[in-house]
PDB file of N, CA and C in Angstrom:
ATOM      1  N   MET A   1     100.214 106.680 108.793  1.00  0.00           N
ATOM      2  CA  MET A   1      99.327 105.878 108.044  1.00  0.00           C
ATOM      3  C   MET A   1      99.003 106.883 106.682  1.00  0.00           C
ATOM      4  N   VAL A   2      99.180 108.317 106.952  1.00  0.00           N
ATOM      5  CA  VAL A   2      98.352 108.871 105.754  1.00  0.00           C
ATOM      6  C   VAL A   2      99.362 108.897 104.376  1.00  0.00           C
ATOM      7  N   ILE A   3     100.797 108.912 105.009  1.00  0.00           N
ATOM      8  CA  ILE A   3     101.716 108.838 104.053  1.00  0.00           C
ATOM      9  C   ILE A   3     101.498 107.534 103.217  1.00  0.00           C
ATOM     10  N   GLU A   4     101.479 106.610 103.824  1.00  0.00           N
ATOM     11  CA  GLU A   4     101.599 105.067 103.146  1.00  0.00           C
ATOM     12  C   GLU A   4     100.038 105.023 102.466  1.00  0.00           C
ATOM     13  N   MET A   5      98.912 105.966 103.039  1.00  0.00           N
ATOM     14  CA  MET A   5      97.618 105.631 102.081  1.00  0.00           C
ATOM     15  C   MET A   5      97.704 106.412 100.756  1.00  0.00           C
ATOM     16  N   VAL A   6      98.401 107.518 100.927  1.00  0.00           N
ATOM     17  CA  VAL A   6      98.740 108.357  99.690  1.00  0.00           C
ATOM     18  C   VAL A   6      99.420 107.532  98.773  1.00  0.00           C
ATOM     19  N   THR A   7     100.846 106.952  99.134  1.00  0.00           N
ATOM     20  CA  THR A   7     101.566 105.997  98.423  1.00  0.00           C
ATOM     21  C   THR A   7     100.926 104.739  97.598  1.00  0.00           C
ATOM     22  N   SER A   8     100.128 104.419  98.636  1.00  0.00           N
ATOM     23  CA  SER A   8      99.161 103.176  97.970  1.00  0.00           C
ATOM     24  C   SER A   8      98.169 103.485  96.911  1.00  0.00           C
ATOM     25  N   SER A   9      97.728 104.868  97.341  1.00  0.00           N
ATOM     26  CA  SER A   9      96.694 105.411  96.080  1.00  0.00           C
ATOM     27  C   SER A   9      97.232 105.815  94.742  1.00  0.00           C
ATOM     28  N   VAL A  10      98.889 106.188  94.963  1.00  0.00           N
ATOM     29  CA  VAL A  10      99.554 106.870  93.520  1.00  0.00           C
ATOM     30  C   VAL A  10      99.763 105.352  92.944  1.00  0.00           C
ATOM     31  N   PHE A  11     100.104 104.158  93.609  1.00  0.00           N
ATOM     32  CA  PHE A  11     100.430 103.178  93.120  1.00  0.00           C
ATOM     33  C   PHE A  11      99.397 102.495  92.216  1.00  0.00           C
ATOM     34  N   TRP A  12      97.813 102.426  92.884  1.00  0.00           N
ATOM     35  CA  TRP A  12      96.908 102.080  92.045  1.00  0.00           C
ATOM     36  C   TRP A  12      96.639 102.860  91.003  1.00  0.00           C
ATOM     37  N   LEU A  13      96.635 104.315  90.981  1.00  0.00           N
ATOM     38  CA  LEU A  13      96.185 105.012  89.848  1.00  0.00           C
ATOM     39  C   LEU A  13      97.316 104.811  88.619  1.00  0.00           C
ATOM     40  N   ASN A  14      98.423 104.391  89.157  1.00  0.00           N
ATOM     41  CA  ASN A  14      99.480 104.170  87.692  1.00  0.00           C
ATOM     42  C   ASN A  14      99.499 102.854  87.159  1.00  0.00           C
ATOM     43  N   MET A  15      98.159 101.742  88.020  1.00  0.00           N
ATOM     44  CA  MET A  15      98.337 100.550  87.948  1.00  0.00           C
ATOM     45  C   MET A  15      97.390 100.576  86.283  1.00  0.00           C
ATOM     46  N   PHE A  16      96.396 101.671  86.048  1.00  0.00           N
ATOM     47  CA  PHE A  16      95.773 101.560  85.025  1.00  0.00           C
ATOM     48  C   PHE A  16      95.933 102.370  83.817  1.00  0.00           C
ATOM     49  N   PRO A  17      95.778 102.159  82.539  1.00  0.00           N
ATOM     50  CA  PRO A  17      95.776 103.180  81.535  1.00  0.00           C
ATOM     51  C   PRO A  17      95.155 104.381  81.721  1.00  0.00           C
ATOM     52  N   ALA A  18      95.548 105.416  81.799  1.00  0.00           N
ATOM     53  CA  ALA A  18      94.898 106.659  81.860  1.00  0.00           C
ATOM     54  C   ALA A  18      93.940 107.020  80.370  1.00  0.00           C
ATOM     55  N   ASN A  19      92.774 107.419  80.498  1.00  0.00           N
ATOM     56  CA  ASN A  19      92.280 107.862  79.266  1.00  0.00           C
ATOM     57  C   ASN A  19      92.591 108.905  78.153  1.00  0.00           C
ATOM     58  N   ASP A  20      93.417 109.754  78.785  1.00  0.00           N
ATOM     59  CA  ASP A  20      94.113 110.436  78.148  1.00  0.00           C
ATOM     60  C   ASP A  20      95.486 110.368  77.999  1.00  0.00           C
ATOM     61  N   GLY A  21      95.873 109.197  78.368  1.00  0.00           N
ATOM     62  CA  GLY A  21      97.441 108.744  78.351  1.00  0.00           C
ATOM     63  C   GLY A  21      98.176 108.729  76.738  1.00  0.00           C
ATOM     64  N   ILE A  22      99.289 108.339  77.063  1.00  0.00           N
ATOM     65  CA  ILE A  22     100.157 107.835  75.825  1.00  0.00           C
ATOM     66  C   ILE A  22      99.563 106.462  75.119  1.00  0.00           C
ATOM     67  N   SER A  23      99.116 105.602  75.915  1.00  0.00           N
ATOM     68  CA  SER A  23      98.881 104.447  75.578  1.00  0.00           C
ATOM     69  C   SER A  23      97.335 104.132  76.171  1.00  0.00           C
ATOM     70  N   MET A  24      96.662 103.210  75.384  1.00  0.00           N
ATOM     71  CA  MET A  24      95.228 103.024  75.803  1.00  0.00           C
ATOM     72  C   MET A  24      95.381 101.630  76.177  1.00  0.00           C
ATOM     73  N   THR A  25      96.601 100.775  76.120  1.00  0.00           N
ATOM     74  CA  THR A  25      96.482  99.778  76.651  1.00  0.00           C
ATOM     75  C   THR A  25      97.381  99.064  77.613  1.00  0.00           C
ATOM     76  N   MET A  26      98.515 100.303  77.642  1.00  0.00           N
ATOM     77  CA  MET A  26      99.607  99.787  78.853  1.00  0.00           C
ATOM     78  C   MET A  26      99.568 101.167  80.036  1.00  0.00           C
ATOM     79  N   SER A  27      99.640 100.618  81.066  1.00  0.00           N
ATOM     80  CA  SER A  27      99.612 101.217  82.309  1.00  0.00           C
ATOM     81  C   SER A  27     100.815 102.308  82.424  1.00  0.00           C
ATOM     82  N   PRO A  28     100.859 103.318  83.258  1.00  0.00           N
ATOM     83  CA  PRO A  28     101.938 104.393  83.683  1.00  0.00           C
ATOM     84  C   PRO A  28     103.222 103.539  84.116  1.00  0.00           C
ATOM     85  N   ARG A  29     102.805 102.508  85.030  1.00  0.00           N
ATOM     86  CA  ARG A  29     103.689 101.778  85.699  1.00  0.00           C
ATOM     87  C   ARG A  29     104.504 100.982  84.746  1.00  0.00           C
ATOM     88  N   THR A  30     103.493 100.239  83.648  1.00  0.00           N
ATOM     89  CA  THR A  30     104.242  99.103  83.050  1.00  0.00           C
ATOM     90  C   THR A  30     105.053 100.017  81.905  1.00  0.00           C
ATOM     91  N   ILE A  31     104.576 101.135  81.195  1.00  0.00           N
ATOM     92  CA  ILE A  31     105.624 102.003  80.412  1.00  0.00           C
ATOM     93  C   ILE A  31     106.786 102.358  80.907  1.00  0.00           C
ATOM     94  N   VAL A  32     107.099 102.757  82.326  1.00  0.00           N
ATOM     95  CA  VAL A  32     108.248 103.380  82.886  1.00  0.00           C
ATOM     96  C   VAL A  32     108.896 101.779  83.580  1.00  0.00           C
ATOM     97  N   THR A  33     108.226 101.234  84.451  1.00  0.00           N
ATOM     98  CA  THR A  33     109.059  99.829  84.820  1.00  0.00           C
ATOM     99  C   THR A  33     109.269  98.709  83.942  1.00  0.00           C
ATOM    100  N   GLY A  34     108.118  98.341  83.226  1.00  0.00           N
ATOM    101  CA  GLY A  34     108.189  97.448  82.239  1.00  0.00           C
ATOM    102  C   GLY A  34     107.662  96.173  83.036  1.00  0.00           C
ATOM    103  N   LEU A  35     107.213  96.638  84.105  1.00  0.00           N
ATOM    104  CA  LEU A  35     106.581  95.422  84.604  1.00  0.00           C
ATOM    105  C   LEU A  35     105.027  95.269  84.870  1.00  0.00           C
ATOM    106  N   LEU A  36     104.347  94.113  84.402  1.00  0.00           N
ATOM    107  CA  LEU A  36     103.006  93.957  84.228  1.00  0.00           C
ATOM    108  C   LEU A  36     102.319  93.662  85.782  1.00  0.00           C
ATOM    109  N   ALA A  37     101.062  94.116  86.015  1.00  0.00           N
ATOM    110  CA  ALA A  37     100.587  93.678  87.025  1.00  0.00           C
ATOM    111  C   ALA A  37      99.870  92.441  87.122  1.00  0.00           C
ATOM    112  N   ASP A  38     100.198  91.772  88.463  1.00  0.00           N
ATOM    113  CA  ASP A  38     100.015  90.520  88.859  1.00  0.00           C
ATOM    114  C   ASP A  38      99.090  90.368  90.047  1.00  0.00           C
ATOM    115  N   TYR A  39      97.886  90.155  89.740  1.00  0.00           N
ATOM    116  CA  TYR A  39      96.975  89.957  90.426  1.00  0.00           C
ATOM    117  C   TYR A  39      97.509  89.389  92.045  1.00  0.00           C
ATOM    118  N   ASN A  40      97.894  88.041  91.840  1.00  0.00           N
ATOM    119  CA  ASN A  40      98.384  87.307  93.156  1.00  0.00           C
ATOM    120  C   ASN A  40      99.344  88.016  94.038  1.00  0.00           C
ATOM    121  N   LYS A  41      99.997  89.035  93.583  1.00  0.00           N
ATOM    122  CA  LYS A  41     100.805  89.981  94.245  1.00  0.00           C
ATOM    123  C   LYS A  41     100.772  90.916  94.913  1.00  0.00           C
ATOM    124  N   HIS A  42      99.470  91.758  94.144  1.00  0.00           N
ATOM    125  CA  HIS A  42      99.307  93.324  94.146  1.00  0.00           C
ATOM    126  C   HIS A  42      97.942  93.136  94.922  1.00  0.00           C
ATOM    127  N   CYS A  43      97.344  92.188  95.035  1.00  0.00           N
ATOM    128  CA  CYS A  43      95.784  92.472  95.493  1.00  0.00           C
ATOM    129  C   CYS A  43      95.676  91.398  96.449  1.00  0.00           C
ATOM    130  N   ARG A  44      96.665  91.099  97.191  1.00  0.00           N
ATOM    131  CA  ARG A  44      96.405  89.906  98.461  1.00  0.00           C
ATOM    132  C   ARG A  44      95.588  90.529  99.455  1.00  0.00           C
ATOM    133  N   ILE A  45      95.961  91.859  99.997  1.00  0.00           N
ATOM    134  CA  ILE A  45      95.204  92.404 101.039  1.00  0.00           C
ATOM    135  C   ILE A  45      95.047  93.794 101.029  1.00  0.00           C
ATOM    136  N   GLU A  46      94.102  94.434 101.491  1.00  0.00           N
ATOM    137  CA  GLU A  46      93.403  95.942 101.372  1.00  0.00           C
ATOM    138  C   GLU A  46      94.015  96.471 102.190  1.00  0.00           C
ATOM    139  N   PHE A  47      94.300  97.755 101.950  1.00  0.00           N
ATOM    140  CA  PHE A  47      94.596  99.129 102.925  1.00  0.00           C
ATOM    141  C   PHE A  47      94.082  98.996 104.284  1.00  0.00           C
ATOM    142  N   GLY A  48      94.233  99.024 105.299  1.00  0.00           N
ATOM    143  CA  GLY A  48      93.645  99.284 106.567  1.00  0.00           C
ATOM    144  C   GLY A  48      92.934  97.738 107.055  1.00  0.00           C
ATOM    145  N   ALA A  49      93.257  96.820 106.468  1.00  0.00           N
ATOM    146  CA  ALA A  49      92.723  95.331 106.900  1.00  0.00           C
ATOM    147  C   ALA A  49      93.575  94.989 108.238  1.00  0.00           C
ATOM    148  N   TYR A  50      92.989  94.351 109.243  1.00  0.00           N
ATOM    149  CA  TYR A  50      93.858  93.637 110.465  1.00  0.00           C
ATOM    150  C   TYR A  50      94.457  92.555 110.226  1.00  0.00           C
ATOM    151  N   GLU A  51      95.440  92.218 110.150  1.00  0.00           N
ATOM    152  CA  GLU A  51      96.517  90.916 110.168  1.00  0.00           C
ATOM    153  C   GLU A  51      97.220  90.609 111.436  1.00  0.00           C
ATOM    154  N   GLN A  52      97.577  89.191 111.363  1.00  0.00           N
ATOM    155  CA  GLN A  52      98.297  88.628 112.489  1.00  0.00           C
ATOM    156  C   GLN A  52      99.729  88.583 111.972  1.00  0.00           C
ATOM    157  N   THR A  53     100.616  89.188 111.848  1.00  0.00           N
ATOM    158  CA  THR A  53     102.151  88.928 110.963  1.00  0.00           C
ATOM    159  C   THR A  53     102.622  87.907 111.475  1.00  0.00           C
ATOM    160  N   HIS A  54     103.072  87.075 110.917  1.00  0.00           N
ATOM    161  CA  HIS A  54     104.116  85.885 111.377  1.00  0.00           C
ATOM    162  C   HIS A  54     105.506  86.471 111.597  1.00  0.00           C
ATOM    163  N   GLU A  55     105.839  86.301 112.998  1.00  0.00           N
ATOM    164  CA  GLU A  55     107.359  86.577 113.077  1.00  0.00           C
ATOM    165  C   GLU A  55     108.191  85.687 113.207  1.00  0.00           C
ATOM    166  N   GLU A  56     109.650  85.760 112.883  1.00  0.00           N
ATOM    167  CA  GLU A  56     110.566  85.135 112.985  1.00  0.00           C
ATOM    168  C   GLU A  56     110.806  84.674 114.352  1.00  0.00           C
ATOM    169  N   HIS A  57     110.967  83.193 114.609  1.00  0.00           N
ATOM    170  CA  HIS A  57     110.815  82.602 115.995  1.00  0.00           C
ATOM    171  C   HIS A  57     111.899  81.560 116.167  1.00  0.00           C
ATOM    172  N   ASP A  58     112.332  81.144 117.095  1.00  0.00           N
ATOM    173  CA  ASP A  58     112.855  80.015 117.531  1.00  0.00           C
ATOM    174  C   ASP A  58     112.027  79.166 118.536  1.00  0.00           C
ATOM    175  N   ASN A  59     112.586  78.279 119.060  1.00  0.00           N
ATOM    176  CA  ASN A  59     111.675  77.274 120.259  1.00  0.00           C
ATOM    177  C   ASN A  59     111.577  77.840 121.475  1.00  0.00           C
ATOM    178  N   SER A  60     111.596  79.498 121.666  1.00  0.00           N
ATOM    179  CA  SER A  60     111.468  80.233 123.065  1.00  0.00           C
ATOM    180  C   SER A  60     110.182  80.398 123.032  1.00  0.00           C
ATOM    181  N   MET A  61     109.830  81.292 124.274  1.00  0.00           N
ATOM    182  CA  MET A  61     108.371  81.731 124.455  1.00  0.00           C
ATOM    183  C   MET A  61     108.196  83.063 123.828  1.00  0.00           C
ATOM    184  N   MET A  62     108.887  83.378 123.032  1.00  0.00           N
ATOM    185  CA  MET A  62     108.735  84.727 122.183  1.00  0.00           C
ATOM    186  C   MET A  62     107.557  84.683 121.472  1.00  0.00           C
ATOM    187  N   THR A  63     106.907  85.797 121.159  1.00  0.00           N
ATOM    188  CA  THR A  63     105.628  85.640 120.526  1.00  0.00           C
ATOM    189  C   THR A  63     105.833  85.476 118.826  1.00  0.00           C
ATOM    190  N   ARG A  64     105.000  84.660 118.638  1.00  0.00           N
ATOM    191  CA  ARG A  64     105.360  84.314 117.034  1.00  0.00           C
ATOM    192  C   ARG A  64     104.223  85.105 116.055  1.00  0.00           C
ATOM    193  N   ARG A  65     103.464  85.844 116.568  1.00  0.00           N
ATOM    194  CA  ARG A  65     102.625  86.748 115.716  1.00  0.00           C
ATOM    195  C   ARG A  65     102.262  88.115 116.485  1.00  0.00           C
ATOM    196  N   THR A  66     102.111  89.156 115.520  1.00  0.00           N
ATOM    197  CA  THR A  66     102.018  90.615 116.046  1.00  0.00           C
ATOM    198  C   THR A  66     100.660  91.066 115.318  1.00  0.00           C
ATOM    199  N   GLY A  67      99.695  91.752 115.830  1.00  0.00           N
ATOM    200  CA  GLY A  67      98.798  92.554 115.239  1.00  0.00           C
ATOM    201  C   GLY A  67      99.365  93.655 114.529  1.00  0.00           C
ATOM    202  N   ALA A  68      98.723  93.805 113.487  1.00  0.00           N
ATOM    203  CA  ALA A  68      99.295  94.889 112.521  1.00  0.00           C
ATOM    204  C   ALA A  68      98.220  95.575 111.513  1.00  0.00           C
ATOM    205  N   ILE A  69      98.282  96.524 110.972  1.00  0.00           N
ATOM    206  CA  ILE A  69      97.467  97.068 109.982  1.00  0.00           C
ATOM    207  C   ILE A  69      97.975  97.039 108.545  1.00  0.00           C
ATOM    208  N   ALA A  70      97.519  96.420 107.743  1.00  0.00           N
ATOM    209  CA  ALA A  70      98.121  96.423 106.383  1.00  0.00           C
ATOM    210  C   ALA A  70      98.219  98.075 105.852  1.00  0.00           C
ATOM    211  N   LEU A  71      99.274  97.965 105.245  1.00  0.00           N
ATOM    212  CA  LEU A  71      99.492  99.630 104.589  1.00  0.00           C
ATOM    213  C   LEU A  71      99.631  99.412 102.839  1.00  0.00           C
ATOM    214  N   ARG A  72     100.736  98.987 102.683  1.00  0.00           N
ATOM    215  CA  ARG A  72     100.813  98.650 100.988  1.00  0.00           C
ATOM    216  C   ARG A  72     101.640  97.639 100.838  1.00  0.00           C
ATOM    217  N   ARG A  73     101.949  97.345  99.479  1.00  0.00           N
ATOM    218  CA  ARG A  73     102.662  95.996  99.055  1.00  0.00           C
ATOM    219  C   ARG A  73     104.098  96.752  99.238  1.00  0.00           C
ATOM    220  N   ALA A  74     105.171  95.895  99.326  1.00  0.00           N
ATOM    221  CA  ALA A  74     106.428  96.472  99.406  1.00  0.00           C
ATOM    222  C   ALA A  74     107.238  96.492  97.964  1.00  0.00           C
ATOM    223  N   GLY A  75     106.595  95.773  97.153  1.00  0.00           N
ATOM    224  CA  GLY A  75     107.324  95.799  95.743  1.00  0.00           C
ATOM    225  C   GLY A  75     108.242  95.055  95.467  1.00  0.00           C
ATOM    226  N   ASN A  76     108.367  94.026  96.383  1.00  0.00           N
ATOM    227  CA  ASN A  76     109.501  93.121  95.806  1.00  0.00           C
ATOM    228  C   ASN A  76     109.183  91.753  95.390  1.00  0.00           C
ATOM    229  N   ALA A  77     109.748  90.938  94.909  1.00  0.00           N
ATOM    230  CA  ALA A  77     109.558  89.811  94.209  1.00  0.00           C
ATOM    231  C   ALA A  77     108.825  88.537  95.016  1.00  0.00           C
ATOM    232  N   GLN A  78     108.903  88.680  96.550  1.00  0.00           N
ATOM    233  CA  GLN A  78     108.260  87.708  97.165  1.00  0.00           C
ATOM    234  C   GLN A  78     106.937  88.031  97.364  1.00  0.00           C
ATOM    235  N   GLY A  79     106.391  89.251  97.296  1.00  0.00           N
ATOM    236  CA  GLY A  79     105.110  89.642  97.394  1.00  0.00           C
ATOM    237  C   GLY A  79     104.802  89.980  98.668  1.00  0.00           C
ATOM    238  N   GLY A  80     105.908  90.865  99.563  1.00  0.00           N
ATOM    239  CA  GLY A  80     105.796  91.178 101.018  1.00  0.00           C
ATOM    240  C   GLY A  80     105.129  92.558 100.994  1.00  0.00           C
ATOM    241  N   TYR A  81     104.717  92.979 102.220  1.00  0.00           N
ATOM    242  CA  TYR A  81     103.820  94.013 102.416  1.00  0.00           C
ATOM    243  C   TYR A  81     104.487  94.744 103.752  1.00  0.00           C
ATOM    244  N   HIS A  82     103.888  95.906 103.744  1.00  0.00           N
ATOM    245  CA  HIS A  82     104.332  97.152 104.987  1.00  0.00           C
ATOM    246  C   HIS A  82     102.816  96.851 105.771  1.00  0.00           C
ATOM    247  N   PHE A  83     103.387  96.875 106.839  1.00  0.00           N
ATOM    248  CA  PHE A  83     102.273  96.892 108.046  1.00  0.00           C
ATOM    249  C   PHE A  83     102.733  97.937 108.900  1.00  0.00           C
ATOM    250  N   TYR A  84     101.515  98.222 109.674  1.00  0.00           N
ATOM    251  CA  TYR A  84     101.590  99.083 110.906  1.00  0.00           C
ATOM    252  C   TYR A  84     101.686  98.522 112.188  1.00  0.00           C
ATOM    253  N   SER A  85     102.498  98.285 112.791  1.00  0.00           N
ATOM    254  CA  SER A  85     102.634  97.461 113.994  1.00  0.00           C
ATOM    255  C   SER A  85     101.725  98.228 115.164  1.00  0.00           C
ATOM    256  N   LEU A  86     100.937  97.070 115.957  1.00  0.00           N
ATOM    257  CA  LEU A  86     100.040  97.858 116.816  1.00  0.00           C
ATOM    258  C   LEU A  86     100.782  97.646 118.516  1.00  0.00           C
ATOM    259  N   ALA A  87     101.855  96.781 118.297  1.00  0.00           N
ATOM    260  CA  ALA A  87     102.651  96.696 119.385  1.00  0.00           C
ATOM    261  C   ALA A  87     103.531  97.938 119.473  1.00  0.00           C
ATOM    262  N   THR A  88     104.047  98.244 118.648  1.00  0.00           N
ATOM    263  CA  THR A  88     105.291  99.062 118.671  1.00  0.00           C
ATOM    264  C   THR A  88     104.938 100.580 118.210  1.00  0.00           C
ATOM    265  N   GLY A  89     103.719 100.557 117.055  1.00  0.00           N
ATOM    266  CA  GLY A  89     103.566 101.782 116.467  1.00  0.00           C
ATOM    267  C   GLY A  89     104.507 102.296 115.188  1.00  0.00           C
ATOM    268  N   CYS A  90     105.515 101.235 114.909  1.00  0.00           N
ATOM    269  CA  CYS A  90     106.248 101.388 113.825  1.00  0.00           C
ATOM    270  C   CYS A  90     105.615 100.552 112.576  1.00  0.00           C
ATOM    271  N   ARG A  91     106.135 100.884 111.180  1.00  0.00           N
ATOM    272  CA  ARG A  91     106.025 100.277 109.985  1.00  0.00           C
ATOM    273  C   ARG A  91     106.706  99.033 110.027  1.00  0.00           C
ATOM    274  N   ILE A  92     106.407  97.987 109.786  1.00  0.00           N
ATOM    275  CA  ILE A  92     107.076  96.799 109.606  1.00  0.00           C
ATOM    276  C   ILE A  92     107.036  95.852 108.384  1.00  0.00           C
ATOM    277  N   PHE A  93     108.051  95.008 107.939  1.00  0.00           N
ATOM    278  CA  PHE A  93     107.715  94.308 106.647  1.00  0.00           C
ATOM    279  C   PHE A  93     107.632  92.974 106.837  1.00  0.00           C
ATOM    280  N   ARG A  94     106.713  92.129 106.228  1.00  0.00           N
ATOM    281  CA  ARG A  94     106.447  90.841 106.207  1.00  0.00           C
ATOM    282  C   ARG A  94     106.138  90.243 105.125  1.00  0.00           C
ATOM    283  N   ILE A  95     106.411  89.088 105.125  1.00  0.00           N
ATOM    284  CA  ILE A  95     106.133  88.067 103.877  1.00  0.00           C
ATOM    285  C   ILE A  95     104.947  87.252 104.132  1.00  0.00           C
ATOM    286  N   ARG A  96     104.807  86.937 105.400  1.00  0.00           N
ATOM    287  CA  ARG A  96     103.423  85.964 105.714  1.00  0.00           C
ATOM    288  C   ARG A  96     102.586  86.688 106.996  1.00  0.00           C
ATOM    289  N   TRP A  97     101.187  86.428 106.549  1.00  0.00           N
ATOM    290  CA  TRP A  97     100.418  86.944 107.648  1.00  0.00           C
ATOM    291  C   TRP A  97      99.278  86.384 107.517  1.00  0.00           C
ATOM    292  N   THR A  98      98.303  86.519 108.623  1.00  0.00           N
ATOM    293  CA  THR A  98      96.636  85.767 108.440  1.00  0.00           C
ATOM    294  C   THR A  98      95.878  86.975 108.592  1.00  0.00           C
ATOM    295  N   GLU A  99      94.733  86.951 107.874  1.00  0.00           N
ATOM    296  CA  GLU A  99      93.952  88.131 107.957  1.00  0.00           C
ATOM    297  C   GLU A  99      93.112  87.562 108.981  1.00  0.00           C
ATOM    298  N   GLN A 100      92.691  88.666 109.974  1.00  0.00           N
ATOM    299  CA  GLN A 100      91.592  88.490 110.776  1.00  0.00           C
ATOM    300  C   GLN A 100      90.405  89.579 110.822  1.00  0.00           C
ATOM    301  N   PRO A 101      89.352  89.031 111.535  1.00  0.00           N
ATOM    302  CA  PRO A 101      88.313  90.274 111.530  1.00  0.00           C
ATOM    303  C   PRO A 101      88.562  91.469 112.801  1.00  0.00           C
ATOM    304  N   MET A 102      88.362  92.576 112.369  1.00  0.00           N
ATOM    305  CA  MET A 102      88.534  93.515 113.140  1.00  0.00           C
ATOM    306  C   MET A 102      87.958  93.778 114.379  1.00  0.00           C
ATOM    307  N   PRO A 103      88.592  93.369 115.717  1.00  0.00           N
ATOM    308  CA  PRO A 103      88.018  93.385 117.018  1.00  0.00           C
ATOM    309  C   PRO A 103      87.769  94.885 117.668  1.00  0.00           C
ATOM    310  N   GLN A 104      86.999  95.226 118.458  1.00  0.00           N
ATOM    311  CA  GLN A 104      87.189  96.467 118.780  1.00  0.00           C
ATOM    312  C   GLN A 104      88.346  96.483 119.896  1.00  0.00           C
ATOM    313  N   GLN A 105      88.966  95.967 120.389  1.00  0.00           N
ATOM    314  CA  GLN A 105      90.623  96.428 121.163  1.00  0.00           C
ATOM    315  C   GLN A 105      91.429  97.058 119.913  1.00  0.00           C
ATOM    316  N   VAL A 106      91.509  96.478 118.732  1.00  0.00           N
ATOM    317  CA  VAL A 106      92.254  97.110 117.893  1.00  0.00           C
ATOM    318  C   VAL A 106      92.071  98.315 117.577  1.00  0.00           C
ATOM    319  N   ILE A 107      90.749  98.674 117.332  1.00  0.00           N
ATOM    320  CA  ILE A 107      90.361 100.152 117.113  1.00  0.00           C
ATOM    321  C   ILE A 107      90.610 100.653 118.061  1.00  0.00           C
ATOM    322  N   ASP A 108      90.218 100.395 119.192  1.00  0.00           N
ATOM    323  CA  ASP A 108      90.958 101.275 120.682  1.00  0.00           C
ATOM    324  C   ASP A 108      92.144 101.626 120.539  1.00  0.00           C
ATOM    325  N   ARG A 109      92.979 100.453 120.455  1.00  0.00           N
ATOM    326  CA  ARG A 109      94.499 100.517 120.025  1.00  0.00           C
ATOM    327  C   ARG A 109      94.787 101.832 118.951  1.00  0.00           C
ATOM    328  N   ILE A 110      94.222 101.582 118.163  1.00  0.00           N
ATOM    329  CA  ILE A 110      94.585 102.622 116.914  1.00  0.00           C
ATOM    330  C   ILE A 110      94.453 104.136 117.482  1.00  0.00           C
ATOM    331  N   HIS A 111      93.272 104.112 118.299  1.00  0.00           N
ATOM    332  CA  HIS A 111      92.931 105.879 118.626  1.00  0.00           C
ATOM    333  C   HIS A 111      93.843 105.990 119.607  1.00  0.00           C
ATOM    334  N   VAL A 112      94.346 105.126 120.569  1.00  0.00           N
ATOM    335  CA  VAL A 112      95.577 105.490 121.595  1.00  0.00           C
ATOM    336  C   VAL A 112      96.932 105.745 120.631  1.00  0.00           C
ATOM    337  N   LEU A 113      97.319 105.167 119.606  1.00  0.00           N
ATOM    338  CA  LEU A 113      98.481 105.343 118.841  1.00  0.00           C
ATOM    339  C   LEU A 113      98.280 106.697 118.167  1.00  0.00           C
ATOM    340  N   ALA A 114      96.965 107.275 117.944  1.00  0.00           N
ATOM    341  CA  ALA A 114      96.680 108.364 116.946  1.00  0.00           C
ATOM    342  C   ALA A 114      97.042 109.652 117.802  1.00  0.00           C
TER     343      ALA A 114
END
């Protein structure tokens, strides 16, 4: 999670023009990639928020949602995000999720995984 937090912080530092940078109106990210910031894609959830990610499913009894912690945006055109799965302890990528309040069981699970 620390690596993802640093990656997310660097992303946000590069989203705004630097006071002593080349341009006073363009961010370093825009200068290098040519892509502008899009609030609807980049600011959907914040780092560390508890989410229920929507899993691909069929009509079986398999789980349709997984509890996860939001890490950072994936950088794709669909606006997907990377999450830390509380079930497996691995990083997962999802396009759809539902934000939930952080229950005590989630905090306890994170302590177990740490």
